[in-house]
PDB file of N, CA and C in Angstrom:
ATOM      1  N   UNK A   1       0.821  -1.193   0.000  1.00  0.00           N
ATOM      2  CA  UNK A   1       0.000   0.000   0.000  1.00  0.00           C
ATOM      3  C   UNK A   1       0.863   1.254   0.000  1.00  0.00           C
ATOM      4  N   UNK A   2       1.920   1.245   0.815  1.00  0.00           N
ATOM      5  CA  UNK A   2       2.806   2.415   0.867  1.00  0.00           C
ATOM      6  C   UNK A   2       3.545   2.610  -0.441  1.00  0.00           C
ATOM      7  N   UNK A   3       3.911   1.495  -1.066  1.00  0.00           N
ATOM      8  CA  UNK A   3       4.602   1.599  -2.351  1.00  0.00           C
ATOM      9  C   UNK A   3       3.724   2.268  -3.397  1.00  0.00           C
ATOM     10  N   UNK A   4       2.458   1.945  -3.378  1.00  0.00           N
ATOM     11  CA  UNK A   4       1.525   2.574  -4.318  1.00  0.00           C
ATOM     12  C   UNK A   4       1.405   4.066  -4.055  1.00  0.00           C
ATOM     13  N   UNK A   5       1.366   4.465  -2.787  1.00  0.00           N
ATOM     14  CA  UNK A   5       1.288   5.893  -2.448  1.00  0.00           C
ATOM     15  C   UNK A   5       2.549   6.625  -2.876  1.00  0.00           C
ATOM     16  N   UNK A   6       3.718   6.010  -2.606  1.00  0.00           N
ATOM     17  CA  UNK A   6       4.981   6.637  -2.998  1.00  0.00           C
ATOM     18  C   UNK A   6       5.068   6.770  -4.511  1.00  0.00           C
ATOM     19  N   UNK A   7       4.686   5.726  -5.201  1.00  0.00           N
ATOM     20  CA  UNK A   7       4.735   5.749  -6.657  1.00  0.00           C
ATOM     21  C   UNK A   7       3.760   6.791  -7.207  1.00  0.00           C
ATOM     22  N   UNK A   8       2.588   6.870  -6.607  1.00  0.00           N
ATOM     23  CA  UNK A   8       1.605   7.856  -7.032  1.00  0.00           C
ATOM     24  C   UNK A   8       2.118   9.275  -6.774  1.00  0.00           C
ATOM     25  N   UNK A   9       2.741   9.495  -5.622  1.00  0.00           N
ATOM     26  CA  UNK A   9       3.295  10.809  -5.305  1.00  0.00           C
ATOM     27  C   UNK A   9       4.434  11.166  -6.249  1.00  0.00           C
ATOM     28  N   UNK A  10       5.265  10.193  -6.587  1.00  0.00           N
ATOM     29  CA  UNK A  10       6.369  10.457  -7.504  1.00  0.00           C
ATOM     30  C   UNK A  10       5.853  10.812  -8.888  1.00  0.00           C
ATOM     31  N   UNK A  11       4.820  10.112  -9.341  1.00  0.00           N
ATOM     32  CA  UNK A  11       4.244  10.445 -10.639  1.00  0.00           C
ATOM     33  C   UNK A  11       3.616  11.824 -10.601  1.00  0.00           C
ATOM     34  N   UNK A  12       2.977  12.160  -9.505  1.00  0.00           N
ATOM     35  CA  UNK A  12       2.371  13.489  -9.372  1.00  0.00           C
ATOM     36  C   UNK A  12       3.461  14.557  -9.393  1.00  0.00           C
ATOM     37  N   UNK A  13       4.566  14.313  -8.722  1.00  0.00           N
ATOM     38  CA  UNK A  13       5.668  15.275  -8.701  1.00  0.00           C
ATOM     39  C   UNK A  13       6.266  15.412 -10.093  1.00  0.00           C
ATOM     40  N   UNK A  14       6.403  14.305 -10.818  1.00  0.00           N
ATOM     41  CA  UNK A  14       6.943  14.374 -12.177  1.00  0.00           C
ATOM     42  C   UNK A  14       6.034  15.193 -13.077  1.00  0.00           C
ATOM     43  N   UNK A  15       4.729  14.973 -12.961  1.00  0.00           N
ATOM     44  CA  UNK A  15       3.782  15.744 -13.765  1.00  0.00           C
ATOM     45  C   UNK A  15       3.833  17.209 -13.366  1.00  0.00           C
ATOM     46  N   UNK A  16       3.926  17.483 -12.089  1.00  0.00           N
ATOM     47  CA  UNK A  16       3.999  18.862 -11.604  1.00  0.00           C
ATOM     48  C   UNK A  16       5.269  19.530 -12.106  1.00  0.00           C
ATOM     49  N   UNK A  17       6.409  18.829 -12.052  1.00  0.00           N
ATOM     50  CA  UNK A  17       7.665  19.380 -12.554  1.00  0.00           C
ATOM     51  C   UNK A  17       7.576  19.671 -14.045  1.00  0.00           C
ATOM     52  N   UNK A  18       6.928  18.781 -14.775  1.00  0.00           N
ATOM     53  CA  UNK A  18       6.763  18.983 -16.211  1.00  0.00           C
ATOM     54  C   UNK A  18       5.914  20.225 -16.473  1.00  0.00           C
ATOM     55  N   UNK A  19       4.843  20.390 -15.714  1.00  0.00           N
ATOM     56  CA  UNK A  19       3.985  21.568 -15.868  1.00  0.00           C
ATOM     57  C   UNK A  19       4.745  22.846 -15.506  1.00  0.00           C
ATOM     58  N   UNK A  20       5.553  22.772 -14.459  1.00  0.00           N
ATOM     59  CA  UNK A  20       6.352  23.935 -14.059  1.00  0.00           C
ATOM     60  C   UNK A  20       7.361  24.282 -15.151  1.00  0.00           C
ATOM     61  N   UNK A  21       7.987  23.289 -15.740  1.00  0.00           N
ATOM     62  CA  UNK A  21       8.954  23.521 -16.814  1.00  0.00           C
ATOM     63  C   UNK A  21       8.274  24.174 -18.010  1.00  0.00           C
ATOM     64  N   UNK A  22       7.100  23.680 -18.365  1.00  0.00           N
ATOM     65  CA  UNK A  22       6.372  24.248 -19.503  1.00  0.00           C
ATOM     66  C   UNK A  22       5.976  25.697 -19.209  1.00  0.00           C
ATOM     67  N   UNK A  23       5.503  25.965 -18.001  1.00  0.00           N
ATOM     68  CA  UNK A  23       5.110  27.339 -17.668  1.00  0.00           C
ATOM     69  C   UNK A  23       6.327  28.254 -17.622  1.00  0.00           C
ATOM     70  N   UNK A  24       7.470  27.761 -17.163  1.00  0.00           N
ATOM     71  CA  UNK A  24       8.688  28.575 -17.169  1.00  0.00           C
ATOM     72  C   UNK A  24       9.117  28.892 -18.592  1.00  0.00           C
ATOM     73  N   UNK A  25       9.016  27.919 -19.476  1.00  0.00           N
ATOM     74  CA  UNK A  25       9.383  28.157 -20.869  1.00  0.00           C
ATOM     75  C   UNK A  25       8.446  29.175 -21.515  1.00  0.00           C
ATOM     76  N   UNK A  26       7.161  29.108 -21.186  1.00  0.00           N
ATOM     77  CA  UNK A  26       6.205  30.087 -21.713  1.00  0.00           C
ATOM     78  C   UNK A  26       6.549  31.487 -21.212  1.00  0.00           C
ATOM     79  N   UNK A  27       6.873  31.597 -19.928  1.00  0.00           N
ATOM     80  CA  UNK A  27       7.240  32.896 -19.376  1.00  0.00           C
ATOM     81  C   UNK A  27       8.512  33.431 -20.017  1.00  0.00           C
ATOM     82  N   UNK A  28       9.497  32.571 -20.230  1.00  0.00           N
ATOM     83  CA  UNK A  28      10.733  33.001 -20.888  1.00  0.00           C
ATOM     84  C   UNK A  28      10.451  33.510 -22.292  1.00  0.00           C
ATOM     85  N   UNK A  29       9.574  32.819 -23.003  1.00  0.00           N
ATOM     86  CA  UNK A  29       9.227  33.229 -24.355  1.00  0.00           C
ATOM     87  C   UNK A  29       8.516  34.578 -24.343  1.00  0.00           C
ATOM     88  N   UNK A  30       7.601  34.764 -23.421  1.00  0.00           N
ATOM     89  CA  UNK A  30       6.870  36.033 -23.327  1.00  0.00           C
ATOM     90  C   UNK A  30       7.822  37.171 -22.986  1.00  0.00           C
ATOM     91  N   UNK A  31       8.728  36.944 -22.037  1.00  0.00           N
ATOM     92  CA  UNK A  31       9.697  37.970 -21.660  1.00  0.00           C
ATOM     93  C   UNK A  31      10.604  38.288 -22.835  1.00  0.00           C
ATOM     94  N   UNK A  32      11.024  37.282 -23.591  1.00  0.00           N
ATOM     95  CA  UNK A  32      11.874  37.509 -24.756  1.00  0.00           C
ATOM     96  C   UNK A  32      11.157  38.343 -25.805  1.00  0.00           C
ATOM     97  N   UNK A  33       9.898  38.042 -26.065  1.00  0.00           N
ATOM     98  CA  UNK A  33       9.128  38.804 -27.056  1.00  0.00           C
ATOM     99  C   UNK A  33       8.977  40.252 -26.607  1.00  0.00           C
ATOM    100  N   UNK A  34       8.672  40.463 -25.332  1.00  0.00           N
ATOM    101  CA  UNK A  34       8.522  41.829 -24.823  1.00  0.00           C
ATOM    102  C   UNK A  34       9.844  42.579 -24.893  1.00  0.00           C
ATOM    103  N   UNK A  35      10.950  41.913 -24.554  1.00  0.00           N
ATOM    104  CA  UNK A  35      12.262  42.560 -24.598  1.00  0.00           C
ATOM    105  C   UNK A  35      12.623  42.958 -26.021  1.00  0.00           C
ATOM    106  N   UNK A  36      12.387  42.077 -26.988  1.00  0.00           N
ATOM    107  CA  UNK A  36      12.680  42.399 -28.385  1.00  0.00           C
ATOM    108  C   UNK A  36      11.811  43.566 -28.858  1.00  0.00           C
ATOM    109  N   UNK A  37      10.548  43.567 -28.478  1.00  0.00           N
ATOM    110  CA  UNK A  37       9.662  44.672 -28.853  1.00  0.00           C
ATOM    111  C   UNK A  37      10.155  45.991 -28.270  1.00  0.00           C
ATOM    112  N   UNK A  38      10.528  45.986 -26.991  1.00  0.00           N
ATOM    113  CA  UNK A  38      10.996  47.217 -26.358  1.00  0.00           C
ATOM    114  C   UNK A  38      12.297  47.716 -26.981  1.00  0.00           C
ATOM    115  N   UNK A  39      13.205  46.810 -27.286  1.00  0.00           N
ATOM    116  CA  UNK A  39      14.464  47.214 -27.930  1.00  0.00           C
ATOM    117  C   UNK A  39      14.172  47.827 -29.297  1.00  0.00           C
ATOM    118  N   UNK A  40      13.282  47.202 -30.052  1.00  0.00           N
ATOM    119  CA  UNK A  40      12.914  47.750 -31.359  1.00  0.00           C
ATOM    120  C   UNK A  40      12.221  49.094 -31.239  1.00  0.00           C
ATOM    121  N   UNK A  41      11.348  49.234 -30.263  1.00  0.00           N
ATOM    122  CA  UNK A  41      10.638  50.495 -30.065  1.00  0.00           C
ATOM    123  C   UNK A  41      11.609  51.610 -29.695  1.00  0.00           C
ATOM    124  N   UNK A  42      12.520  51.329 -28.781  1.00  0.00           N
ATOM    125  CA  UNK A  42      13.496  52.336 -28.356  1.00  0.00           C
ATOM    126  C   UNK A  42      14.422  52.698 -29.513  1.00  0.00           C
ATOM    127  N   UNK A  43      14.870  51.710 -30.277  1.00  0.00           N
ATOM    128  CA  UNK A  43      15.728  51.985 -31.429  1.00  0.00           C
ATOM    129  C   UNK A  43      14.985  52.831 -32.453  1.00  0.00           C
ATOM    130  N   UNK A  44      13.719  52.530 -32.702  1.00  0.00           N
ATOM    131  CA  UNK A  44      12.929  53.318 -33.641  1.00  0.00           C
ATOM    132  C   UNK A  44      12.698  54.736 -33.152  1.00  0.00           C
ATOM    133  N   UNK A  45      12.497  54.891 -31.862  1.00  0.00           N
ATOM    134  CA  UNK A  45      12.268  56.222 -31.298  1.00  0.00           C
ATOM    135  C   UNK A  45      13.506  57.099 -31.471  1.00  0.00           C
ATOM    136  N   UNK A  46      14.681  56.539 -31.177  1.00  0.00           N
ATOM    137  CA  UNK A  46      15.902  57.335 -31.300  1.00  0.00           C
ATOM    138  C   UNK A  46      16.320  57.514 -32.754  1.00  0.00           C
ATOM    139  N   UNK A  47      15.995  56.570 -33.624  1.00  0.00           N
ATOM    140  CA  UNK A  47      16.356  56.730 -35.030  1.00  0.00           C
ATOM    141  C   UNK A  47      15.476  57.778 -35.699  1.00  0.00           C
ATOM    142  N   UNK A  48      14.300  58.043 -35.137  1.00  0.00           N
ATOM    143  CA  UNK A  48      13.425  59.079 -35.679  1.00  0.00           C
ATOM    144  C   UNK A  48      14.149  60.421 -35.686  1.00  0.00           C
ATOM    145  N   UNK A  49      14.871  60.732 -34.607  1.00  0.00           N
ATOM    146  CA  UNK A  49      15.600  61.984 -34.529  1.00  0.00           C
ATOM    147  C   UNK A  49      16.741  62.015 -35.543  1.00  0.00           C
ATOM    148  N   UNK A  50      17.406  60.904 -35.735  1.00  0.00           N
ATOM    149  CA  UNK A  50      18.518  60.850 -36.693  1.00  0.00           C
ATOM    150  C   UNK A  50      17.993  61.000 -38.112  1.00  0.00           C
ATOM    151  N   UNK A  51      16.877  60.365 -38.423  1.00  0.00           N
ATOM    152  CA  UNK A  51      16.309  60.454 -39.765  1.00  0.00           C
ATOM    153  C   UNK A  51      15.837  61.877 -40.037  1.00  0.00           C
ATOM    154  N   UNK A  52      15.227  62.526 -39.060  1.00  0.00           N
ATOM    155  CA  UNK A  52      14.748  63.894 -39.283  1.00  0.00           C
ATOM    156  C   UNK A  52      15.919  64.851 -39.444  1.00  0.00           C
ATOM    157  N   UNK A  53      17.050  64.620 -38.782  1.00  0.00           N
ATOM    158  CA  UNK A  53      18.229  65.461 -38.969  1.00  0.00           C
ATOM    159  C   UNK A  53      18.790  65.278 -40.365  1.00  0.00           C
ATOM    160  N   UNK A  54      18.789  64.059 -40.866  1.00  0.00           N
ATOM    161  CA  UNK A  54      19.300  63.808 -42.210  1.00  0.00           C
ATOM    162  C   UNK A  54      18.421  64.462 -43.264  1.00  0.00           C
ATOM    163  N   UNK A  55      17.126  64.492 -43.086  1.00  0.00           N
ATOM    164  CA  UNK A  55      16.258  65.124 -44.069  1.00  0.00           C
ATOM    165  C   UNK A  55      16.413  66.633 -44.032  1.00  0.00           C
ATOM    166  N   UNK A  56      16.720  67.209 -42.889  1.00  0.00           N
ATOM    167  CA  UNK A  56      16.945  68.650 -42.825  1.00  0.00           C
ATOM    168  C   UNK A  56      18.187  69.026 -43.610  1.00  0.00           C
ATOM    169  N   UNK A  57      19.237  68.247 -43.480  1.00  0.00           N
ATOM    170  CA  UNK A  57      20.458  68.528 -44.246  1.00  0.00           C
ATOM    171  C   UNK A  57      20.216  68.340 -45.731  1.00  0.00           C
ATOM    172  N   UNK A  58      19.435  67.374 -46.105  1.00  0.00           N
ATOM    173  CA  UNK A  58      19.134  67.132 -47.507  1.00  0.00           C
ATOM    174  C   UNK A  58      18.314  68.279 -48.074  1.00  0.00           C
ATOM    175  N   UNK A  59      17.335  68.779 -47.337  1.00  0.00           N
ATOM    176  CA  UNK A  59      16.505  69.873 -47.822  1.00  0.00           C
ATOM    177  C   UNK A  59      17.284  71.182 -47.888  1.00  0.00           C
ATOM    178  N   UNK A  60      18.217  71.399 -47.003  1.00  0.00           N
ATOM    179  CA  UNK A  60      18.994  72.631 -47.019  1.00  0.00           C
ATOM    180  C   UNK A  60      19.925  72.691 -48.229  1.00  0.00           C
ATOM    181  N   UNK A  61      20.410  71.563 -48.660  1.00  0.00           N
ATOM    182  CA  UNK A  61      21.368  71.561 -49.758  1.00  0.00           C
ATOM    183  C   UNK A  61      20.721  71.202 -51.091  1.00  0.00           C
ATOM    184  N   UNK A  62      19.406  71.267 -51.170  1.00  0.00           N
ATOM    185  CA  UNK A  62      18.741  70.893 -52.425  1.00  0.00           C
ATOM    186  C   UNK A  62      18.848  72.042 -53.417  1.00  0.00           C
ATOM    187  N   UNK A  63      18.559  71.706 -54.645  1.00  0.00           N
ATOM    188  CA  UNK A  63      18.648  72.697 -55.716  1.00  0.00           C
ATOM    189  C   UNK A  63      17.300  73.329 -56.015  1.00  0.00           C
ATOM    190  N   UNK A  64      16.346  73.155 -55.141  1.00  0.00           N
ATOM    191  CA  UNK A  64      15.041  73.761 -55.349  1.00  0.00           C
ATOM    192  C   UNK A  64      15.157  75.257 -55.085  1.00  0.00           C
ATOM    193  N   UNK A  65      14.875  76.035 -56.099  1.00  0.00           N
ATOM    194  CA  UNK A  65      14.972  77.481 -55.959  1.00  0.00           C
ATOM    195  C   UNK A  65      13.567  78.040 -56.115  1.00  0.00           C
ATOM    196  N   UNK A  66      13.168  78.822 -55.144  1.00  0.00           N
ATOM    197  CA  UNK A  66      11.843  79.415 -55.191  1.00  0.00           C
ATOM    198  C   UNK A  66      12.021  80.885 -55.579  1.00  0.00           C
ATOM    199  N   UNK A  67      11.334  81.272 -56.586  1.00  0.00           N
ATOM    200  CA  UNK A  67      11.419  82.664 -57.031  1.00  0.00           C
ATOM    201  C   UNK A  67      10.088  83.342 -56.769  1.00  0.00           C
ATOM    202  N   UNK A  68      10.176  84.502 -56.142  1.00  0.00           N
ATOM    203  CA  UNK A  68       8.957  85.261 -55.893  1.00  0.00           C
ATOM    204  C   UNK A  68       8.722  86.184 -57.066  1.00  0.00           C
ATOM    205  N   UNK A  69       7.526  86.172 -57.632  1.00  0.00           N
ATOM    206  CA  UNK A  69       7.239  87.007 -58.785  1.00  0.00           C
ATOM    207  C   UNK A  69       6.360  88.159 -58.402  1.00  0.00           C
TER     208      UNK A  69
END
């Protein structure tokens, strides 16, 4: 009888460990996705300023001449 209880408890622990491992992997995946999104968002935010500076230099040196008549 005790052997059956021990075996049942061990199987329950194995199933519980498996569930914990799966939930940890899901959490790691979610954290990784959020981290990649945040890195991309921050990079895009700071590159916006660099891109706008480059367009200002391009517009200043363009050959578009406006003549007032």
